[in-house]
Amino acid sequence: MVKETRLQQHVRAPWRGLALMFLGIPASLVGLWFITVVSMITSFIGVLLFPAATMLLRSRLDTYRERINKWTDVQIQRPYLPEPKAEPGLSGMFKRFVALISDPATWRDYLWVVADPIVSIFTAALPGLLILYGIWGYVLAAFAGGMIGHYGGSDWYAYIHVTEGYDQDVARIVSTVFVATLCIAVGFLIGPKMMNVYGHWGRTILGPTRKSELALRVQHLTETRSDAVDASAAELRRIERDLHDGAQARLVAMGMTLGAIEHLLDKDPEKARFLLAQTRESSATALHELRDLVRGIHPPVLADRGIGDAVKALALDHPMNVEVSADLPSRPEPPVESAAYFAVSEILTNAAKHSGASRVWVDMGYEHDNLRITVTDDGRGGASMDAGSGLRGIERRIGTFDGILALNSPVGGPTIVTLELPCALSSPKTSPS
């Protein structure tokens, strides 16, 4: 997502704050239904309805988290503890009920729907309300003040009685316009700041507690460990298959040919010489296949020169025009380098197969303790992270290192894939010799 300019933030923040305030209307209705179900918990129907009411409440609160993550500088993760595995019957239903009702995030969600309508008015929505109040001041000064006063309504604006008297009408109108302009200016100026204040309030209530952070961390490590084990097993199977079908088969054939040569040396030297030439060619082919296999496990250029030069070498052999820009003060840790290299390799392969692109740009940098790699192509776009896609596999692999993958691929292009892997820089950058 392209970062907004400061001017865009000031213009958009007040209206976004009002949108967040209006989100409280459906959220309050859901909260009312939730507490109604809670009041019936002593009966079987309350236990039966509680999971559905909780899921409905969570879905509404996910909308808040999504907006806050998108519109403020604050990021909020889902805080909910992992649910137990689904089990049939009353026993499974009761276990799920206990897990949901004992999750602190469930009650923090309800606290949010109760308190947020008030908090949002004095934080996110305040700039928008000030702007609307300023617009109302213009309306009063222009024509509505006299009309409202004529029909007995209140024609006060802040501390100004807009239509009182006749000798001071001009001064009162000027004062009204001044206060209205001030309200509008202040509303736009404080918009981003108040949105961030609201974001911190959201993270306090809607973010994970220490207990849920630990539980989610354990769950993440369990999943990534499983992915790492599966990836390692698949890699071992690939290596075994390549050895069995490639170099091993050639070496066996060479052994049989050498046996035949041994018998032909005295009887048919010319035939033996011919078979020796074939064996030499087979040995060269087997050596080439072994080198390719080693490069597939850990390319020598990656070990010797680091990921920057390794990706540049990868770009030289790529069918598309690939430009690589690497700005790394030193080398990441070897496991991270390897994971990042093979991720970029697979992204480039996918681009060549599916994108219809002619050019690809790879940018690598290191900031905020993260190795950041962006791969951009000028293809047709429309890439997705659906299950079964190569990008989903890359995401699982770099997830082993707490890495994340972000995809931006509108139809028509361009496609931008961003990788971020937390890491320390472990060795100085290798310079060309």
Protein backbone atom coordinates (compact mmCIF):
# COMPACT_ATOMS: atom_id res chain seq x y z
CA MET A 1 0.00 0.00 0.00
CA VAL A 2 1.35 3.42 -0.97
CA LYS A 3 2.03 5.57 2.07
CA GLU A 4 -0.23 8.59 2.34
CA THR A 5 1.21 12.08 2.32
CA ARG A 6 0.81 14.28 5.37
CA LEU A 7 -1.74 16.44 3.56
CA GLN A 8 -3.84 13.37 2.68
CA GLN A 9 -3.72 12.23 6.29
CA HIS A 10 -4.96 15.60 7.55
CA VAL A 11 -7.77 15.68 4.98
CA ARG A 12 -8.96 12.10 5.40
CA ALA A 13 -8.50 11.54 9.14
CA PRO A 14 -11.57 13.52 10.35
CA TRP A 15 -13.95 11.65 8.04
CA ARG A 16 -12.39 8.32 8.95
CA GLY A 17 -12.90 9.18 12.59
CA LEU A 18 -16.60 9.80 11.94
CA ALA A 19 -16.78 6.46 10.11
CA LEU A 20 -15.29 4.74 13.17
CA MET A 21 -17.84 6.45 15.38
CA PHE A 22 -20.71 5.22 13.19
CA LEU A 23 -19.28 1.69 13.33
CA GLY A 24 -20.36 1.79 16.97
CA ILE A 25 -24.03 1.56 15.99
CA PRO A 26 -23.98 -2.03 14.66
CA ALA A 27 -21.33 -2.96 17.23
CA SER A 28 -23.60 -1.77 20.06
CA LEU A 29 -26.48 -3.84 18.69
CA VAL A 30 -24.23 -6.91 18.56
CA GLY A 31 -23.05 -6.16 22.11
CA LEU A 32 -26.68 -5.95 23.26
CA TRP A 33 -27.37 -9.37 21.74
CA PHE A 34 -24.19 -10.75 23.34
CA ILE A 35 -25.11 -9.62 26.85
CA THR A 36 -28.63 -10.96 26.32
CA VAL A 37 -27.16 -14.38 25.56
CA VAL A 38 -24.87 -14.07 28.61
CA SER A 39 -27.94 -13.45 30.78
CA MET A 40 -29.30 -16.83 29.61
CA ILE A 41 -26.10 -18.75 30.35
CA THR A 42 -27.63 -20.55 33.34
CA SER A 43 -29.89 -22.36 30.88
CA PHE A 44 -28.95 -24.75 28.09
CA ILE A 45 -30.06 -22.31 25.39
CA GLY A 46 -27.54 -19.73 26.67
CA VAL A 47 -24.72 -22.28 26.43
CA LEU A 48 -25.92 -23.20 22.95
CA LEU A 49 -26.09 -19.61 21.67
CA PHE A 50 -22.94 -18.26 23.37
CA PRO A 51 -20.40 -19.44 20.73
CA ALA A 52 -22.42 -17.93 17.87
CA ALA A 53 -22.87 -14.64 19.75
CA THR A 54 -19.15 -14.53 20.55
CA MET A 55 -18.18 -15.18 16.92
CA LEU A 56 -20.55 -12.43 15.77
CA LEU A 57 -19.02 -10.02 18.28
CA ARG A 58 -15.51 -10.95 17.15
CA SER A 59 -16.37 -10.41 13.49
CA ARG A 60 -17.58 -6.88 14.29
CA LEU A 61 -14.45 -6.13 16.30
CA ASP A 62 -12.26 -7.46 13.48
CA THR A 63 -13.69 -4.61 11.40
CA TYR A 64 -12.33 -2.13 13.95
CA ARG A 65 -8.92 -3.82 13.94
CA GLU A 66 -8.81 -3.72 10.15
CA ARG A 67 -9.67 0.00 10.04
CA ILE A 68 -7.22 0.91 12.81
CA ASN A 69 -4.41 -1.05 11.15
CA LYS A 70 -5.12 0.68 7.83
CA TRP A 71 -5.84 4.22 8.99
CA THR A 72 -3.46 4.74 11.93
CA ASP A 73 0.18 4.09 12.82
CA VAL A 74 -0.93 1.42 15.31
CA GLN A 75 -1.08 -2.28 14.42
CA ILE A 76 -3.42 -4.63 16.31
CA GLN A 77 -3.23 -8.41 16.10
CA ARG A 78 -6.17 -10.68 16.79
CA PRO A 79 -5.92 -11.52 20.49
CA TYR A 80 -8.03 -14.67 20.76
CA LEU A 81 -6.66 -17.81 22.36
CA PRO A 82 -6.61 -20.93 20.13
CA GLU A 83 -9.86 -22.85 20.27
CA PRO A 84 -9.84 -26.57 21.09
CA LYS A 85 -10.17 -29.03 18.24
CA ALA A 86 -13.74 -29.54 17.16
CA GLU A 87 -15.36 -32.57 18.78
CA PRO A 88 -18.81 -33.95 18.07
CA GLY A 89 -21.64 -34.07 20.57
CA LEU A 90 -22.40 -32.23 23.78
CA SER A 91 -18.88 -32.75 25.11
CA GLY A 92 -17.31 -30.87 22.18
CA MET A 93 -19.90 -28.10 22.40
CA PHE A 94 -19.28 -27.63 26.12
CA LYS A 95 -15.48 -27.57 25.66
CA ARG A 96 -15.82 -24.83 23.05
CA PHE A 97 -18.16 -22.88 25.33
CA VAL A 98 -15.66 -23.08 28.20
CA ALA A 99 -12.77 -22.02 25.94
CA LEU A 100 -14.65 -18.98 24.65
CA ILE A 101 -16.06 -17.82 27.97
CA SER A 102 -12.67 -18.19 29.69
CA ASP A 103 -10.83 -16.21 27.00
CA PRO A 104 -10.12 -12.70 28.41
CA ALA A 105 -10.41 -11.25 24.89
CA THR A 106 -14.11 -12.17 24.82
CA TRP A 107 -14.87 -9.84 27.74
CA ARG A 108 -12.49 -7.16 26.49
CA ASP A 109 -14.50 -7.14 23.25
CA TYR A 110 -17.67 -6.51 25.22
CA LEU A 111 -15.93 -3.76 27.20
CA TRP A 112 -15.06 -2.16 23.86
CA VAL A 113 -18.64 -2.03 22.53
CA VAL A 114 -19.78 -0.50 25.82
CA ALA A 115 -17.07 2.15 26.15
CA ASP A 116 -16.11 2.95 22.56
CA PRO A 117 -19.17 5.06 21.63
CA ILE A 118 -18.06 7.56 24.29
CA VAL A 119 -14.31 7.27 23.74
CA SER A 120 -14.57 7.67 19.96
CA ILE A 121 -16.43 11.00 20.33
CA PHE A 122 -13.50 12.49 22.26
CA THR A 123 -10.75 10.93 20.09
CA ALA A 124 -11.21 9.78 16.48
CA ALA A 125 -14.54 11.50 15.82
CA LEU A 126 -13.68 14.80 17.55
CA PRO A 127 -11.90 16.38 14.52
CA GLY A 128 -14.82 15.50 12.22
CA LEU A 129 -17.34 16.86 14.71
CA LEU A 130 -15.34 20.10 14.97
CA ILE A 131 -15.38 20.46 11.19
CA LEU A 132 -19.13 19.84 11.05
CA TYR A 133 -19.60 22.36 13.84
CA GLY A 134 -17.58 24.87 11.85
CA ILE A 135 -19.73 24.29 8.77
CA TRP A 136 -22.82 24.79 10.95
CA GLY A 137 -21.35 28.13 12.04
CA TYR A 138 -21.13 29.25 8.41
CA VAL A 139 -24.74 28.23 7.88
CA LEU A 140 -25.84 30.21 10.95
CA ALA A 141 -23.90 33.27 9.87
CA ALA A 142 -25.27 33.09 6.33
CA PHE A 143 -29.01 32.67 6.88
CA ALA A 144 -30.04 30.02 9.41
CA GLY A 145 -29.43 32.12 12.55
CA GLY A 146 -32.20 34.58 11.82
CA MET A 147 -34.58 31.84 10.73
CA ILE A 148 -33.98 29.75 13.87
CA GLY A 149 -34.31 32.82 16.12
CA HIS A 150 -37.52 33.86 14.36
CA TYR A 151 -39.14 30.51 15.18
CA GLY A 152 -37.98 30.53 18.79
CA GLY A 153 -35.04 28.15 18.47
CA SER A 154 -31.57 28.58 19.93
CA ASP A 155 -29.41 30.73 17.69
CA TRP A 156 -26.36 30.61 19.92
CA TYR A 157 -23.05 29.52 18.38
CA ALA A 158 -20.42 28.74 20.99
CA TYR A 159 -20.48 31.94 23.14
CA ILE A 160 -21.99 34.09 20.37
CA HIS A 161 -25.68 35.02 20.14
CA VAL A 162 -25.74 35.23 16.37
CA THR A 163 -28.88 37.38 15.87
CA GLU A 164 -29.20 39.36 19.12
CA GLY A 165 -29.61 43.08 18.47
CA TYR A 166 -29.16 44.94 15.22
CA ASP A 167 -26.30 47.36 15.74
CA GLN A 168 -23.77 44.56 16.30
CA ASP A 169 -25.00 42.10 13.65
CA VAL A 170 -21.89 42.51 11.49
CA ALA A 171 -19.54 42.00 14.46
CA ARG A 172 -21.49 38.93 15.55
CA ILE A 173 -21.43 37.45 12.06
CA VAL A 174 -17.68 38.07 11.78
CA SER A 175 -17.16 36.46 15.21
CA THR A 176 -19.26 33.48 14.16
CA VAL A 177 -17.29 33.04 10.92
CA PHE A 178 -14.00 33.36 12.84
CA VAL A 179 -14.94 30.70 15.41
CA ALA A 180 -16.30 28.43 12.65
CA THR A 181 -13.08 28.75 10.65
CA LEU A 182 -11.04 28.05 13.76
CA CYS A 183 -13.06 24.89 14.46
CA ILE A 184 -12.53 23.64 10.90
CA ALA A 185 -8.80 24.38 10.96
CA VAL A 186 -8.32 22.70 14.34
CA GLY A 187 -10.36 19.69 13.15
CA PHE A 188 -8.11 19.12 10.15
CA LEU A 189 -4.90 19.80 12.11
CA ILE A 190 -5.56 17.37 14.96
CA GLY A 191 -7.15 14.66 12.77
CA PRO A 192 -4.13 12.28 12.40
CA LYS A 193 -3.08 12.82 16.02
CA MET A 194 -6.51 11.94 17.38
CA MET A 195 -6.71 8.92 15.07
CA ASN A 196 -3.45 7.64 16.56
CA VAL A 197 -4.75 8.27 20.09
CA TYR A 198 -7.79 6.21 19.13
CA GLY A 199 -5.47 3.55 17.70
CA HIS A 200 -3.63 3.25 21.01
CA TRP A 201 -6.96 2.94 22.81
CA GLY A 202 -7.87 0.18 20.34
CA ARG A 203 -4.62 -1.69 20.93
CA THR A 204 -5.11 -1.47 24.70
CA ILE A 205 -8.53 -3.14 24.56
CA LEU A 206 -8.58 -5.08 21.29
CA GLY A 207 -4.95 -6.18 21.22
CA PRO A 208 -3.59 -9.41 22.70
CA THR A 209 -2.83 -9.70 26.39
CA ARG A 210 0.44 -11.20 27.58
CA LYS A 211 -1.26 -14.57 28.05
CA SER A 212 -2.80 -14.58 24.58
CA GLU A 213 0.47 -13.34 23.04
CA LEU A 214 2.28 -16.34 24.52
CA ALA A 215 -0.48 -18.72 23.42
CA LEU A 216 -0.49 -17.29 19.89
CA ARG A 217 3.29 -17.45 19.80
CA VAL A 218 3.23 -21.12 20.80
CA GLN A 219 0.61 -21.79 18.13
CA HIS A 220 2.68 -19.95 15.51
CA LEU A 221 5.85 -21.84 16.46
CA THR A 222 3.98 -25.14 16.33
CA GLU A 223 2.66 -24.37 12.85
CA THR A 224 5.99 -23.10 11.52
CA ARG A 225 7.84 -26.07 13.02
CA SER A 226 5.43 -28.39 11.23
CA ASP A 227 5.96 -26.44 7.99
CA ALA A 228 9.73 -26.60 8.45
CA VAL A 229 9.62 -30.37 9.04
CA ASP A 230 7.42 -30.88 5.97
CA ALA A 231 9.66 -28.66 3.83
CA SER A 232 12.79 -30.50 5.01
CA ALA A 233 11.20 -33.89 4.30
CA ALA A 234 10.12 -32.74 0.83
CA GLU A 235 13.62 -31.41 0.14
CA LEU A 236 15.21 -34.69 1.22
CA ARG A 237 12.81 -36.60 -1.04
CA ARG A 238 13.71 -34.31 -3.95
CA ILE A 239 17.43 -34.79 -3.37
CA GLU A 240 17.01 -38.56 -3.11
CA ARG A 241 14.91 -38.65 -6.30
CA ASP A 242 17.39 -36.49 -8.22
CA LEU A 243 20.30 -38.64 -7.09
CA HIS A 244 18.46 -41.88 -7.87
CA ASP A 245 17.20 -40.81 -11.29
CA GLY A 246 20.23 -38.80 -12.31
CA ALA A 247 23.79 -39.17 -11.07
CA GLN A 248 23.27 -42.58 -9.43
CA ALA A 249 21.80 -44.11 -12.58
CA ARG A 250 24.66 -42.71 -14.67
CA LEU A 251 27.29 -44.01 -12.25
CA VAL A 252 25.72 -47.47 -12.34
CA ALA A 253 25.71 -47.38 -16.14
CA MET A 254 29.35 -46.24 -16.12
CA GLY A 255 30.27 -49.17 -13.90
CA MET A 256 28.61 -51.62 -16.28
CA THR A 257 30.30 -49.96 -19.28
CA LEU A 258 33.70 -50.17 -17.58
CA GLY A 259 33.09 -53.88 -17.01
CA ALA A 260 32.34 -54.35 -20.70
CA ILE A 261 35.49 -52.36 -21.61
CA GLU A 262 37.56 -54.65 -19.41
CA HIS A 263 36.45 -57.66 -21.50
CA LEU A 264 36.94 -55.83 -24.82
CA LEU A 265 40.45 -54.50 -24.26
CA ASP A 266 42.13 -57.55 -25.82
CA LYS A 267 39.36 -58.68 -28.22
CA ASP A 268 38.19 -55.35 -29.71
CA PRO A 269 40.36 -52.36 -28.73
CA GLU A 270 38.47 -50.02 -31.10
CA LYS A 271 35.14 -50.83 -29.46
CA ALA A 272 36.73 -50.44 -26.02
CA ARG A 273 38.10 -47.01 -27.02
CA PHE A 274 34.62 -45.97 -28.21
CA LEU A 275 33.04 -47.09 -24.93
CA LEU A 276 35.71 -45.22 -22.96
CA ALA A 277 34.79 -42.00 -24.78
CA GLN A 278 31.12 -42.58 -23.95
CA THR A 279 32.03 -43.21 -20.31
CA ARG A 280 34.01 -39.98 -20.17
CA GLU A 281 30.98 -38.07 -21.50
CA SER A 282 28.73 -39.79 -18.96
CA SER A 283 31.09 -38.87 -16.14
CA ALA A 284 31.03 -35.21 -17.22
CA THR A 285 27.22 -35.27 -17.37
CA ALA A 286 27.03 -36.89 -13.92
CA LEU A 287 29.39 -34.25 -12.53
CA HIS A 288 27.24 -31.48 -14.07
CA GLU A 289 24.09 -33.00 -12.51
CA LEU A 290 25.79 -33.23 -9.10
CA ARG A 291 26.82 -29.58 -9.33
CA ASP A 292 23.24 -28.60 -10.22
CA LEU A 293 22.02 -30.61 -7.25
CA VAL A 294 24.48 -28.88 -4.93
CA ARG A 295 23.39 -25.48 -6.27
CA GLY A 296 19.78 -26.47 -5.55
CA ILE A 297 20.71 -27.30 -1.94
CA HIS A 298 22.91 -24.24 -1.29
CA PRO A 299 24.40 -22.34 -4.24
CA PRO A 300 28.16 -21.78 -3.88
CA VAL A 301 27.77 -18.13 -4.90
CA LEU A 302 25.34 -17.67 -2.00
CA ALA A 303 27.82 -19.17 0.45
CA ASP A 304 30.76 -17.23 -0.97
CA ARG A 305 29.32 -13.85 -1.91
CA GLY A 306 26.01 -13.44 -0.06
CA ILE A 307 22.43 -13.01 -1.15
CA GLY A 308 22.96 -9.82 -3.14
CA ASP A 309 25.41 -11.37 -5.60
CA ALA A 310 23.54 -14.68 -5.54
CA VAL A 311 20.32 -13.04 -6.72
CA LYS A 312 22.28 -11.09 -9.36
CA ALA A 313 23.69 -14.40 -10.62
CA LEU A 314 20.16 -15.79 -10.62
CA ALA A 315 19.01 -12.82 -12.70
CA LEU A 316 21.67 -13.45 -15.35
CA ASP A 317 20.21 -16.90 -16.10
CA HIS A 318 16.59 -15.73 -16.02
CA PRO A 319 14.64 -15.57 -19.30
CA MET A 320 13.22 -12.11 -18.45
CA ASN A 321 15.07 -8.83 -18.03
CA VAL A 322 15.73 -8.74 -14.27
CA GLU A 323 17.28 -5.70 -12.56
CA VAL A 324 18.66 -6.26 -9.07
CA SER A 325 19.41 -3.53 -6.55
CA ALA A 326 20.99 -4.64 -3.26
CA ASP A 327 21.83 -2.23 -0.44
CA LEU A 328 22.91 -4.43 2.47
CA PRO A 329 25.52 -3.15 4.95
CA SER A 330 26.55 -6.74 5.70
CA ARG A 331 25.26 -10.29 5.36
CA PRO A 332 22.24 -11.76 7.12
CA GLU A 333 22.49 -15.05 8.97
CA PRO A 334 23.03 -18.02 6.61
CA PRO A 335 19.63 -19.70 7.23
CA VAL A 336 17.80 -16.42 6.54
CA GLU A 337 19.93 -15.82 3.44
CA SER A 338 19.08 -19.26 2.13
CA ALA A 339 15.35 -18.89 2.79
CA ALA A 340 15.28 -15.46 1.16
CA TYR A 341 17.28 -16.64 -1.87
CA PHE A 342 14.99 -19.58 -2.62
CA ALA A 343 11.91 -17.39 -2.03
CA VAL A 344 13.15 -14.88 -4.62
CA SER A 345 14.05 -17.73 -6.97
CA GLU A 346 10.53 -19.16 -6.76
CA ILE A 347 8.92 -15.72 -7.21
CA LEU A 348 11.00 -15.14 -10.35
CA THR A 349 10.03 -18.59 -11.65
CA ASN A 350 6.35 -17.84 -11.03
CA ALA A 351 6.71 -14.50 -12.81
CA ALA A 352 8.24 -16.18 -15.85
CA LYS A 353 5.48 -18.82 -15.97
CA HIS A 354 2.34 -16.85 -15.15
CA SER A 355 2.76 -13.07 -15.19
CA GLY A 356 3.29 -12.33 -18.88
CA ALA A 357 5.88 -9.75 -17.77
CA SER A 358 8.93 -8.64 -19.73
CA ARG A 359 10.83 -6.91 -16.92
CA VAL A 360 11.31 -7.58 -13.21
CA TRP A 361 12.87 -5.37 -10.54
CA VAL A 362 14.33 -6.84 -7.33
CA ASP A 363 15.18 -4.41 -4.52
CA MET A 364 16.91 -5.62 -1.35
CA GLY A 365 17.58 -3.59 1.77
CA TYR A 366 17.91 -3.82 5.52
CA GLU A 367 15.94 -1.59 7.88
CA HIS A 368 14.53 -1.85 11.39
CA ASP A 369 16.24 -5.25 11.93
CA ASN A 370 14.47 -6.72 8.88
CA LEU A 371 15.75 -7.99 5.57
CA ARG A 372 13.30 -6.46 3.11
CA ILE A 373 13.02 -7.70 -0.48
CA THR A 374 10.59 -6.30 -3.05
CA VAL A 375 10.02 -8.05 -6.38
CA THR A 376 8.05 -6.04 -8.95
CA ASP A 377 7.06 -7.13 -12.45
CA ASP A 378 5.24 -5.33 -15.28
CA GLY A 379 2.93 -8.25 -16.05
CA ARG A 380 -0.83 -8.61 -16.22
CA GLY A 381 -1.33 -8.81 -12.44
CA GLY A 382 -4.15 -10.72 -10.78
CA ALA A 383 -1.88 -12.93 -8.64
CA SER A 384 -3.48 -14.25 -5.46
CA MET A 385 -2.58 -15.94 -2.18
CA ASP A 386 -5.24 -18.63 -2.57
CA ALA A 387 -4.54 -22.05 -1.12
CA GLY A 388 -2.34 -24.08 -3.43
CA SER A 389 -0.53 -21.11 -4.97
CA GLY A 390 3.26 -20.93 -4.95
CA LEU A 391 3.11 -17.70 -2.96
CA ARG A 392 1.31 -19.46 -0.13
CA GLY A 393 4.12 -22.01 0.00
CA ILE A 394 6.71 -19.22 0.11
CA GLU A 395 4.79 -17.56 2.94
CA ARG A 396 4.84 -20.78 4.96
CA ARG A 397 8.54 -21.24 4.43
CA ILE A 398 9.61 -17.76 5.47
CA GLY A 399 7.12 -18.01 8.35
CA THR A 400 9.63 -20.40 9.91
CA PHE A 401 11.79 -17.32 10.48
CA ASP A 402 8.84 -15.11 11.50
CA GLY A 403 8.94 -13.63 8.03
CA ILE A 404 5.92 -12.12 6.30
CA LEU A 405 4.87 -11.88 2.65
CA ALA A 406 2.71 -9.06 1.28
CA LEU A 407 1.15 -9.14 -2.18
CA ASN A 408 -0.22 -6.25 -4.23
CA SER A 409 -1.36 -7.44 -7.66
CA PRO A 410 -4.30 -5.54 -9.17
CA VAL A 411 -5.70 -6.82 -12.45
CA GLY A 412 -3.66 -5.18 -15.20
CA GLY A 413 -0.54 -5.06 -13.04
CA PRO A 414 1.95 -4.40 -11.77
CA THR A 415 2.52 -7.23 -9.30
CA ILE A 416 4.54 -6.33 -6.19
CA VAL A 417 5.65 -9.05 -3.77
CA THR A 418 7.33 -7.86 -0.57
CA LEU A 419 9.22 -10.14 1.81
CA GLU A 420 10.33 -9.13 5.30
CA LEU A 421 12.45 -11.44 7.43
CA PRO A 422 13.60 -10.40 10.93
CA CYS A 423 17.31 -11.06 11.26
CA ALA A 424 20.61 -9.79 12.53
CA LEU A 425 23.51 -9.03 10.21
CA SER A 426 26.09 -11.64 11.13
CA SER A 427 29.10 -10.98 8.92
CA PRO A 428 30.65 -8.15 6.93
CA LYS A 429 29.61 -7.72 3.32
CA THR A 430 31.89 -9.66 1.01
CA SER A 431 33.50 -7.45 -1.55
CA PRO A 432 34.58 -8.65 -4.96
CA SER A 433 38.18 -9.80 -5.10
